[in-house]
Protein backbone atom coordinates (compact mmCIF):
# COMPACT_ATOMS: atom_id res chain seq x y z
CA MET A 1 -0.05 -0.15 0.14
CA GLU A 2 3.01 2.51 0.53
CA GLU A 3 5.02 1.78 -2.74
CA GLN A 4 1.16 2.14 -4.04
CA LEU A 5 0.60 5.62 -2.81
CA LYS A 6 4.20 6.98 -3.09
CA ARG A 7 3.81 6.36 -7.43
CA LEU A 8 0.11 7.65 -7.03
CA LEU A 9 0.41 10.83 -5.53
CA PRO A 10 2.76 12.61 -7.55
CA ASP A 11 0.51 12.31 -10.57
CA LEU A 12 -2.76 12.98 -7.97
CA LEU A 13 -1.46 16.19 -6.29
CA ARG A 14 -0.38 17.42 -9.54
CA ARG A 15 -3.87 17.34 -10.92
CA GLU A 16 -6.15 17.80 -8.13
CA VAL A 17 -3.94 20.48 -6.39
CA LYS A 18 -4.62 23.73 -7.93
CA ASP A 19 -3.34 26.31 -5.02
CA PRO A 20 -0.18 27.95 -6.66
CA ARG A 21 1.60 27.72 -3.49
CA VAL A 22 2.37 24.15 -4.88
CA GLY A 23 4.30 23.14 -7.57
CA LEU A 24 6.23 19.93 -8.30
CA LEU A 25 6.96 17.98 -6.19
CA THR A 26 8.92 14.60 -5.12
CA VAL A 27 6.82 12.23 -3.36
CA THR A 28 10.22 10.51 -1.21
CA ALA A 29 8.22 7.80 1.34
CA VAL A 30 5.35 7.00 2.27
CA GLU A 31 4.36 6.10 5.99
CA MET A 32 1.43 4.02 7.01
CA SER A 33 -0.01 3.13 10.42
CA ARG A 34 -0.68 -0.35 10.89
CA ASP A 35 -5.10 -0.53 10.54
CA LEU A 36 -4.36 1.92 6.83
CA THR A 37 -6.56 5.17 8.51
CA HIS A 38 -3.12 7.24 8.30
CA ALA A 39 -0.81 7.70 6.17
CA ARG A 40 2.78 10.32 6.21
CA VAL A 41 3.73 11.63 3.16
CA PHE A 42 7.37 12.70 2.83
CA PHE A 43 7.74 15.02 0.15
CA THR A 44 10.72 17.92 -1.37
CA PRO A 45 10.14 20.34 -3.63
CA PHE A 46 11.46 18.84 -7.31
CA ALA A 47 14.73 19.76 -8.09
CA GLY A 48 14.84 22.07 -4.57
CA GLN A 49 12.57 24.14 -6.07
CA GLY A 50 10.11 26.72 -3.73
CA ASP A 51 10.16 27.09 -0.49
CA ALA A 52 9.04 23.51 0.94
CA ASN A 53 7.07 25.40 4.07
CA GLU A 54 4.78 26.93 1.48
CA TYR A 55 4.44 23.19 -0.30
CA LEU A 56 3.37 21.89 3.11
CA ALA A 57 0.70 25.20 3.82
CA GLY A 58 -0.68 24.24 0.23
CA LEU A 59 -0.90 20.02 1.27
CA ARG A 60 -2.17 20.07 3.80
CA GLY A 61 -4.95 22.88 3.38
CA ALA A 62 -6.18 20.19 -0.18
CA ALA A 63 -5.58 17.04 1.90
CA GLY A 64 -8.58 16.82 2.42
CA HIS A 65 -9.58 17.51 -1.72
CA VAL A 66 -6.67 15.18 -1.80
CA ARG A 67 -8.03 12.17 -0.35
CA ARG A 68 -11.34 12.22 -1.69
CA ALA A 69 -9.34 12.28 -5.09
CA LEU A 70 -7.56 9.43 -3.52
CA ARG A 71 -10.66 6.90 -2.46
CA HIS A 72 -11.88 7.58 -6.25
CA GLU A 73 -9.37 6.84 -7.75
CA MET A 74 -8.34 3.24 -5.15
CA ARG A 75 -11.40 2.15 -5.19
CA LEU A 76 -10.51 2.31 -1.24
CA ARG A 77 -12.79 1.20 1.40
CA VAL A 78 -10.53 2.99 4.03
CA THR A 79 -8.84 5.78 2.88
CA PRO A 80 -6.17 6.94 5.03
CA GLU A 81 -5.92 10.47 6.34
CA LEU A 82 -2.99 12.25 4.78
CA ASP A 83 -0.71 13.87 6.31
CA PHE A 84 2.32 15.44 4.64
CA ARG A 85 5.48 16.68 6.35
CA ILE A 86 8.96 18.23 4.42
CA ASP A 87 11.60 15.16 4.15
CA GLU A 88 14.69 16.55 5.55
CA SER A 89 16.61 13.85 4.55
CA VAL A 90 17.70 14.57 1.13
CA GLU A 91 18.62 18.25 2.00
CA HIS A 92 20.81 16.59 5.38
CA GLY A 93 22.41 14.22 2.92
CA ALA A 94 23.17 16.96 0.82
CA ARG A 95 25.34 18.58 3.87
CA LEU A 96 26.74 15.86 4.52
CA SER A 97 28.40 15.09 1.82
CA SER A 98 29.60 18.70 1.16
CA LEU A 99 31.29 18.84 5.03
CA ILE A 100 32.58 15.35 3.83
CA ALA A 101 34.17 16.87 0.86
CA GLU A 102 35.99 20.33 2.76
CA ALA A 103 37.27 17.92 5.44
CA LEU A 104 38.68 15.52 2.38
CA ALA A 105 40.08 18.95 1.03
CA GLU A 106 41.60 20.24 3.92
CA ASP A 107 42.95 16.85 4.94
CA GLU A 108 44.50 16.58 0.91
CA ARG A 109 46.19 20.45 1.75
CA ARG A 110 47.61 19.54 5.15
CA HIS A 111 49.40 16.92 3.53
CA GLU A 112 50.60 18.82 1.06
CA THR A 113 52.13 21.01 3.11
CA SER A 114 53.76 18.48 5.23
CA ARG A 115 55.40 16.81 2.24
CA ASP A 116 56.70 20.57 1.42
CA ASP A 117 58.26 21.22 4.89
CA GLU A 118 59.78 17.89 4.27
């Protein structure tokens, strides 16, 4: 169910959400409750465009409408409540990669300096 929602939601959101604060986005993960009544939907703005908090406000405002469209699309008896959340793991990963690259460059500079001193 989580994977099905992850595949279906981006297209459904693009078609159903008319809020100008919400542009293209990537659904990075969906976590369902055991009883399938709640779904946490993690997203990032597509290619880092736009303000994620603006997207979040727009998505939360449209959650009821999206839920009804989801019920119709998937023909579900019980449709989960949608809880949209900003996925900060992508940004966090990029920051960690940047820090690692900086540390490696600094280490390389230190080795060059110590070789020059010998």
